[in-house]
Amino acid sequence: MASELPISEQIQRLIRTSDAARGVLGSEIRELKHKLDVPGRLKDSLRSHPTGWLGGSVVAGMATSLLFRRKAKREKTEVKKKTLLGLIFTLAIAALRPFLKVWLTGQLKNYITAKFAGDEIPSRPQRRVTPFYK
């Protein structure tokens, strides 16, 4: 039957067939690109169903936290009474901590400067007294 058609009609039929095949292939390529574009599909889904995604993430987080939760070991511990002496000692330590820090930092600074200067290491930091008058 193909041999009965003139060559120009065969060419026209081949052109129409290739156009139809090109159209089908183009639509299949677009569909495949859409299926493979995961970030784009996720973005579209997030824009179209934001409450569903929010609810799903909350449920997934709760389920995960329940699944991986550790069971607390309950040990009987004795509760110590707080005495007035212990409270005063704790407050004194808390109040003296900044002063001790400054004093120790000064001692360390003096030690290091004396070590690098080659001088004798002083036992106490020397303070300069400046007169108020000239």
N, C-alpha and C. Protein backbone atom coordinates (compact mmCIF):
# COMPACT_ATOMS: atom_id res chain seq x y z
N MET A 1 0.82 -1.18 0.00
CA MET A 1 0.00 0.00 0.00
C MET A 1 0.88 1.26 0.00
N ALA A 2 1.98 1.18 0.75
CA ALA A 2 2.89 2.31 0.78
C ALA A 2 3.53 2.54 -0.58
N SER A 3 3.72 1.49 -1.31
CA SER A 3 4.35 1.64 -2.61
C SER A 3 3.39 2.27 -3.62
N GLU A 4 2.08 2.21 -3.38
CA GLU A 4 1.11 2.78 -4.31
C GLU A 4 1.03 4.30 -4.18
N LEU A 5 1.41 4.85 -2.98
CA LEU A 5 1.32 6.29 -2.77
C LEU A 5 2.46 6.99 -3.51
N PRO A 6 2.19 8.16 -4.02
CA PRO A 6 3.30 8.91 -4.63
C PRO A 6 4.28 9.36 -3.55
N ILE A 7 5.45 9.69 -3.96
CA ILE A 7 6.53 10.02 -3.04
C ILE A 7 6.18 11.26 -2.23
N SER A 8 5.55 12.25 -2.79
CA SER A 8 5.22 13.47 -2.06
C SER A 8 4.21 13.18 -0.95
N GLU A 9 3.24 12.28 -1.22
CA GLU A 9 2.28 11.92 -0.18
C GLU A 9 2.96 11.11 0.93
N GLN A 10 3.90 10.24 0.57
CA GLN A 10 4.64 9.49 1.59
C GLN A 10 5.45 10.44 2.48
N ILE A 11 6.04 11.43 1.85
CA ILE A 11 6.82 12.40 2.63
C ILE A 11 5.90 13.17 3.57
N GLN A 12 4.72 13.56 3.06
CA GLN A 12 3.76 14.30 3.90
C GLN A 12 3.30 13.42 5.08
N ARG A 13 3.05 12.12 4.80
CA ARG A 13 2.63 11.21 5.87
C ARG A 13 3.75 11.03 6.89
N LEU A 14 4.99 10.91 6.47
CA LEU A 14 6.12 10.79 7.38
C LEU A 14 6.31 12.06 8.22
N ILE A 15 6.08 13.20 7.60
CA ILE A 15 6.19 14.46 8.34
C ILE A 15 5.13 14.53 9.42
N ARG A 16 3.87 14.14 9.09
CA ARG A 16 2.78 14.15 10.07
C ARG A 16 3.06 13.16 11.20
N THR A 17 3.58 11.98 10.85
CA THR A 17 3.89 10.98 11.86
C THR A 17 5.00 11.48 12.79
N SER A 18 6.03 12.09 12.22
CA SER A 18 7.12 12.60 13.05
C SER A 18 6.65 13.76 13.92
N ASP A 19 5.74 14.61 13.42
CA ASP A 19 5.19 15.69 14.23
C ASP A 19 4.38 15.14 15.40
N ALA A 20 3.58 14.12 15.13
CA ALA A 20 2.79 13.50 16.20
C ALA A 20 3.71 12.84 17.23
N ALA A 21 4.74 12.15 16.77
CA ALA A 21 5.68 11.50 17.68
C ALA A 21 6.44 12.54 18.50
N ARG A 22 6.83 13.66 17.84
CA ARG A 22 7.52 14.73 18.54
C ARG A 22 6.63 15.34 19.63
N GLY A 23 5.33 15.50 19.34
CA GLY A 23 4.39 16.03 20.33
C GLY A 23 4.23 15.09 21.52
N VAL A 24 4.12 13.79 21.24
CA VAL A 24 3.98 12.79 22.31
C VAL A 24 5.26 12.77 23.16
N LEU A 25 6.43 12.75 22.49
CA LEU A 25 7.69 12.74 23.22
C LEU A 25 7.87 14.01 24.06
N GLY A 26 7.45 15.15 23.51
CA GLY A 26 7.56 16.41 24.26
C GLY A 26 6.71 16.38 25.52
N SER A 27 5.47 15.87 25.41
CA SER A 27 4.61 15.81 26.60
C SER A 27 5.16 14.80 27.61
N GLU A 28 5.71 13.68 27.14
CA GLU A 28 6.30 12.71 28.05
C GLU A 28 7.55 13.26 28.73
N ILE A 29 8.35 14.04 28.01
CA ILE A 29 9.54 14.65 28.61
C ILE A 29 9.15 15.66 29.67
N ARG A 30 8.11 16.49 29.36
CA ARG A 30 7.64 17.46 30.36
C ARG A 30 7.12 16.75 31.61
N GLU A 31 6.38 15.66 31.43
CA GLU A 31 5.86 14.90 32.55
C GLU A 31 7.00 14.27 33.36
N LEU A 32 8.02 13.74 32.69
CA LEU A 32 9.15 13.13 33.38
C LEU A 32 9.96 14.19 34.13
N LYS A 33 10.16 15.37 33.51
CA LYS A 33 10.87 16.45 34.20
C LYS A 33 10.11 16.88 35.45
N HIS A 34 8.79 16.94 35.35
CA HIS A 34 7.98 17.32 36.52
C HIS A 34 8.10 16.27 37.63
N LYS A 35 8.11 15.00 37.27
CA LYS A 35 8.23 13.94 38.27
C LYS A 35 9.61 13.94 38.92
N LEU A 36 10.65 14.29 38.17
CA LEU A 36 12.00 14.29 38.71
C LEU A 36 12.35 15.58 39.46
N ASP A 37 11.56 16.62 39.31
CA ASP A 37 11.82 17.89 40.00
C ASP A 37 11.20 17.84 41.39
N VAL A 38 11.89 17.13 42.31
CA VAL A 38 11.38 16.95 43.67
C VAL A 38 11.31 18.27 44.44
N PRO A 39 12.35 19.12 44.41
CA PRO A 39 12.23 20.39 45.15
C PRO A 39 11.08 21.26 44.66
N GLY A 40 10.88 21.30 43.36
CA GLY A 40 9.77 22.08 42.82
C GLY A 40 8.42 21.52 43.24
N ARG A 41 8.31 20.19 43.22
CA ARG A 41 7.05 19.58 43.64
C ARG A 41 6.79 19.81 45.12
N LEU A 42 7.85 19.74 45.94
CA LEU A 42 7.68 20.02 47.37
C LEU A 42 7.26 21.46 47.60
N LYS A 43 7.86 22.40 46.87
CA LYS A 43 7.51 23.80 47.01
C LYS A 43 6.05 24.03 46.62
N ASP A 44 5.62 23.42 45.52
CA ASP A 44 4.22 23.55 45.12
C ASP A 44 3.28 22.95 46.15
N SER A 45 3.66 21.81 46.70
CA SER A 45 2.83 21.16 47.71
C SER A 45 2.76 21.98 48.99
N LEU A 46 3.89 22.57 49.39
CA LEU A 46 3.89 23.42 50.58
C LEU A 46 3.03 24.66 50.39
N ARG A 47 3.06 25.23 49.19
CA ARG A 47 2.24 26.41 48.92
C ARG A 47 0.76 26.07 48.86
N SER A 48 0.43 24.90 48.36
CA SER A 48 -0.98 24.56 48.20
C SER A 48 -1.59 23.97 49.47
N HIS A 49 -0.80 23.30 50.33
CA HIS A 49 -1.32 22.67 51.55
C HIS A 49 -0.44 22.99 52.75
N PRO A 50 -0.36 24.26 53.19
CA PRO A 50 0.55 24.57 54.30
C PRO A 50 0.09 24.00 55.63
N THR A 51 -1.21 23.98 55.89
CA THR A 51 -1.68 23.45 57.18
C THR A 51 -1.46 21.95 57.28
N GLY A 52 -1.60 21.26 56.19
CA GLY A 52 -1.35 19.81 56.20
C GLY A 52 0.09 19.50 56.51
N TRP A 53 1.02 20.26 55.91
CA TRP A 53 2.43 20.06 56.18
C TRP A 53 2.77 20.40 57.63
N LEU A 54 2.19 21.48 58.15
CA LEU A 54 2.44 21.87 59.54
C LEU A 54 1.92 20.80 60.50
N GLY A 55 0.69 20.34 60.26
CA GLY A 55 0.13 19.29 61.12
C GLY A 55 0.94 18.00 61.04
N GLY A 56 1.35 17.65 59.84
CA GLY A 56 2.14 16.44 59.67
C GLY A 56 3.48 16.52 60.36
N SER A 57 4.12 17.69 60.31
CA SER A 57 5.41 17.82 60.98
C SER A 57 5.25 17.78 62.50
N VAL A 58 4.16 18.34 63.01
CA VAL A 58 3.92 18.28 64.45
C VAL A 58 3.69 16.84 64.89
N VAL A 59 2.87 16.13 64.14
CA VAL A 59 2.59 14.72 64.47
C VAL A 59 3.85 13.88 64.36
N ALA A 60 4.63 14.10 63.32
CA ALA A 60 5.88 13.33 63.15
C ALA A 60 6.86 13.63 64.28
N GLY A 61 6.96 14.89 64.69
CA GLY A 61 7.84 15.24 65.80
C GLY A 61 7.40 14.62 67.10
N MET A 62 6.11 14.65 67.36
CA MET A 62 5.60 14.03 68.59
C MET A 62 5.84 12.52 68.59
N ALA A 63 5.57 11.88 67.45
CA ALA A 63 5.77 10.43 67.37
C ALA A 63 7.24 10.08 67.54
N THR A 64 8.13 10.88 66.96
CA THR A 64 9.55 10.62 67.09
C THR A 64 10.02 10.81 68.53
N SER A 65 9.53 11.86 69.17
CA SER A 65 9.94 12.09 70.56
C SER A 65 9.41 11.00 71.47
N LEU A 66 8.23 10.48 71.20
CA LEU A 66 7.70 9.38 72.01
C LEU A 66 8.44 8.08 71.74
N LEU A 67 8.87 7.91 70.51
CA LEU A 67 9.55 6.68 70.13
C LEU A 67 10.95 6.60 70.74
N PHE A 68 11.67 7.72 70.77
CA PHE A 68 13.04 7.71 71.25
C PHE A 68 13.19 8.24 72.67
N ARG A 69 12.12 8.32 73.41
CA ARG A 69 12.20 8.84 74.77
C ARG A 69 12.81 7.81 75.69
N ARG A 70 13.70 8.26 76.55
CA ARG A 70 14.33 7.37 77.51
C ARG A 70 13.47 7.32 78.76
N LYS A 71 13.46 6.16 79.36
CA LYS A 71 12.74 6.02 80.61
C LYS A 71 13.67 6.42 81.74
N ALA A 72 13.16 7.27 82.61
CA ALA A 72 13.97 7.77 83.71
C ALA A 72 14.15 6.68 84.76
N LYS A 73 15.37 6.57 85.25
CA LYS A 73 15.62 5.61 86.32
C LYS A 73 15.28 6.29 87.63
N ARG A 74 14.46 5.65 88.37
CA ARG A 74 14.05 6.22 89.64
C ARG A 74 14.84 5.59 90.76
N GLU A 75 15.64 6.42 91.37
CA GLU A 75 16.42 5.97 92.52
C GLU A 75 15.97 6.78 93.71
N LYS A 76 15.91 6.11 94.83
CA LYS A 76 15.52 6.82 96.03
C LYS A 76 16.74 7.57 96.56
N THR A 77 16.59 8.86 96.64
CA THR A 77 17.66 9.68 97.18
C THR A 77 17.16 10.38 98.43
N GLU A 78 18.05 10.51 99.35
CA GLU A 78 17.68 11.18 100.58
C GLU A 78 17.77 12.69 100.38
N VAL A 79 16.79 13.37 100.87
CA VAL A 79 16.78 14.82 100.77
C VAL A 79 17.46 15.38 102.00
N LYS A 80 18.52 16.16 101.75
CA LYS A 80 19.26 16.73 102.87
C LYS A 80 18.59 18.01 103.31
N LYS A 81 18.56 18.21 104.60
CA LYS A 81 18.00 19.44 105.13
C LYS A 81 19.00 20.56 104.94
N LYS A 82 18.48 21.71 104.61
CA LYS A 82 19.33 22.88 104.46
C LYS A 82 19.41 23.59 105.81
N THR A 83 20.63 23.72 106.26
CA THR A 83 20.81 24.37 107.55
C THR A 83 21.20 25.82 107.32
N LEU A 84 21.10 26.61 108.36
CA LEU A 84 21.45 28.02 108.27
C LEU A 84 22.94 28.19 108.02
N LEU A 85 23.76 27.36 108.63
CA LEU A 85 25.20 27.45 108.43
C LEU A 85 25.57 27.14 106.97
N GLY A 86 24.94 26.13 106.40
CA GLY A 86 25.20 25.79 105.01
C GLY A 86 24.76 26.89 104.06
N LEU A 87 23.63 27.51 104.36
CA LEU A 87 23.13 28.60 103.53
C LEU A 87 24.08 29.80 103.60
N ILE A 88 24.56 30.14 104.79
CA ILE A 88 25.49 31.26 104.94
C ILE A 88 26.80 30.96 104.22
N PHE A 89 27.30 29.72 104.33
CA PHE A 89 28.53 29.34 103.64
C PHE A 89 28.37 29.45 102.12
N THR A 90 27.24 29.01 101.60
CA THR A 90 26.98 29.08 100.16
C THR A 90 26.92 30.53 99.70
N LEU A 91 26.25 31.38 100.45
CA LEU A 91 26.17 32.79 100.08
C LEU A 91 27.54 33.46 100.15
N ALA A 92 28.36 33.11 101.14
CA ALA A 92 29.69 33.69 101.26
C ALA A 92 30.56 33.29 100.07
N ILE A 93 30.51 32.04 99.69
CA ILE A 93 31.29 31.57 98.53
C ILE A 93 30.83 32.30 97.26
N ALA A 94 29.53 32.43 97.09
CA ALA A 94 29.00 33.10 95.91
C ALA A 94 29.41 34.57 95.88
N ALA A 95 29.46 35.23 97.05
CA ALA A 95 29.84 36.64 97.10
C ALA A 95 31.33 36.82 96.91
N LEU A 96 32.15 35.90 97.41
CA LEU A 96 33.60 36.04 97.32
C LEU A 96 34.19 35.61 95.98
N ARG A 97 33.44 34.87 95.20
CA ARG A 97 33.96 34.34 93.94
C ARG A 97 34.49 35.43 93.00
N PRO A 98 33.77 36.54 92.75
CA PRO A 98 34.32 37.57 91.86
C PRO A 98 35.61 38.19 92.40
N PHE A 99 35.67 38.42 93.72
CA PHE A 99 36.87 39.00 94.31
C PHE A 99 38.06 38.05 94.19
N LEU A 100 37.83 36.78 94.44
CA LEU A 100 38.90 35.79 94.31
C LEU A 100 39.38 35.70 92.87
N LYS A 101 38.48 35.82 91.94
CA LYS A 101 38.84 35.75 90.53
C LYS A 101 39.75 36.92 90.16
N VAL A 102 39.40 38.12 90.60
CA VAL A 102 40.22 39.30 90.31
C VAL A 102 41.58 39.17 90.98
N TRP A 103 41.61 38.74 92.23
CA TRP A 103 42.87 38.61 92.95
C TRP A 103 43.79 37.58 92.31
N LEU A 104 43.22 36.41 91.97
CA LEU A 104 44.03 35.37 91.33
C LEU A 104 44.53 35.80 89.96
N THR A 105 43.71 36.52 89.21
CA THR A 105 44.13 37.02 87.91
C THR A 105 45.28 38.00 88.06
N GLY A 106 45.21 38.87 89.06
CA GLY A 106 46.31 39.80 89.32
C GLY A 106 47.58 39.08 89.70
N GLN A 107 47.48 38.08 90.56
CA GLN A 107 48.65 37.31 90.96
C GLN A 107 49.29 36.61 89.77
N LEU A 108 48.47 36.04 88.91
CA LEU A 108 48.98 35.36 87.72
C LEU A 108 49.65 36.35 86.77
N LYS A 109 49.05 37.51 86.61
CA LYS A 109 49.62 38.54 85.75
C LYS A 109 50.97 38.99 86.27
N ASN A 110 51.08 39.22 87.56
CA ASN A 110 52.36 39.63 88.15
C ASN A 110 53.41 38.53 87.99
N TYR A 111 53.02 37.30 88.18
CA TYR A 111 53.95 36.19 88.05
C TYR A 111 54.49 36.10 86.62
N ILE A 112 53.57 36.22 85.65
CA ILE A 112 53.98 36.08 84.25
C ILE A 112 54.86 37.25 83.84
N THR A 113 54.51 38.47 84.23
CA THR A 113 55.35 39.62 83.85
C THR A 113 56.72 39.54 84.50
N ALA A 114 56.79 39.09 85.74
CA ALA A 114 58.09 38.95 86.40
C ALA A 114 58.90 37.83 85.76
N LYS A 115 58.26 36.78 85.33
CA LYS A 115 58.95 35.65 84.71
C LYS A 115 59.59 36.08 83.39
N PHE A 116 58.85 36.84 82.58
CA PHE A 116 59.38 37.26 81.29
C PHE A 116 60.34 38.43 81.40
N ALA A 117 60.21 39.22 82.45
CA ALA A 117 61.12 40.35 82.63
C ALA A 117 62.44 39.89 83.26
N GLY A 118 62.46 38.71 83.84
CA GLY A 118 63.67 38.18 84.45
C GLY A 118 63.86 38.68 85.87
N ASP A 119 62.87 39.36 86.41
CA ASP A 119 62.97 39.87 87.77
C ASP A 119 62.64 38.77 88.76
N GLU A 120 62.84 39.13 90.00
CA GLU A 120 62.47 38.22 91.07
C GLU A 120 60.95 38.24 91.18
N ILE A 121 60.35 37.09 91.44
CA ILE A 121 58.90 36.99 91.53
C ILE A 121 58.45 37.54 92.88
N PRO A 122 57.65 38.62 92.87
CA PRO A 122 57.23 39.21 94.14
C PRO A 122 56.20 38.32 94.83
N SER A 123 56.24 38.35 96.16
CA SER A 123 55.28 37.56 96.90
C SER A 123 53.94 38.28 96.95
N ARG A 124 54.00 39.61 96.98
CA ARG A 124 52.79 40.42 96.96
C ARG A 124 52.93 41.47 95.88
N PRO A 125 51.82 41.82 95.24
CA PRO A 125 51.95 42.86 94.21
C PRO A 125 52.31 44.20 94.86
N GLN A 126 53.24 44.90 94.26
CA GLN A 126 53.67 46.20 94.76
C GLN A 126 52.71 47.26 94.24
N ARG A 127 52.26 48.10 95.15
CA ARG A 127 51.35 49.17 94.75
C ARG A 127 52.11 50.48 94.81
N ARG A 128 51.88 51.29 93.85
CA ARG A 128 52.51 52.60 93.81
C ARG A 128 51.63 53.60 94.55
N VAL A 129 52.24 54.38 95.37
CA VAL A 129 51.52 55.42 96.09
C VAL A 129 51.89 56.73 95.44
N THR A 130 50.89 57.40 94.93
CA THR A 130 51.14 58.70 94.29
C THR A 130 50.66 59.79 95.24
N PRO A 131 51.49 60.77 95.48
CA PRO A 131 51.07 61.86 96.40
C PRO A 131 50.05 62.76 95.70
N PHE A 132 49.23 63.37 96.49
CA PHE A 132 48.23 64.28 95.96
C PHE A 132 48.81 65.67 95.70
N TYR A 133 49.95 65.94 96.23
CA TYR A 133 50.59 67.25 96.08
C TYR A 133 51.91 67.08 95.35
N LYS A 134 52.40 68.17 94.84
CA LYS A 134 53.68 68.13 94.15
C LYS A 134 54.72 68.87 94.90
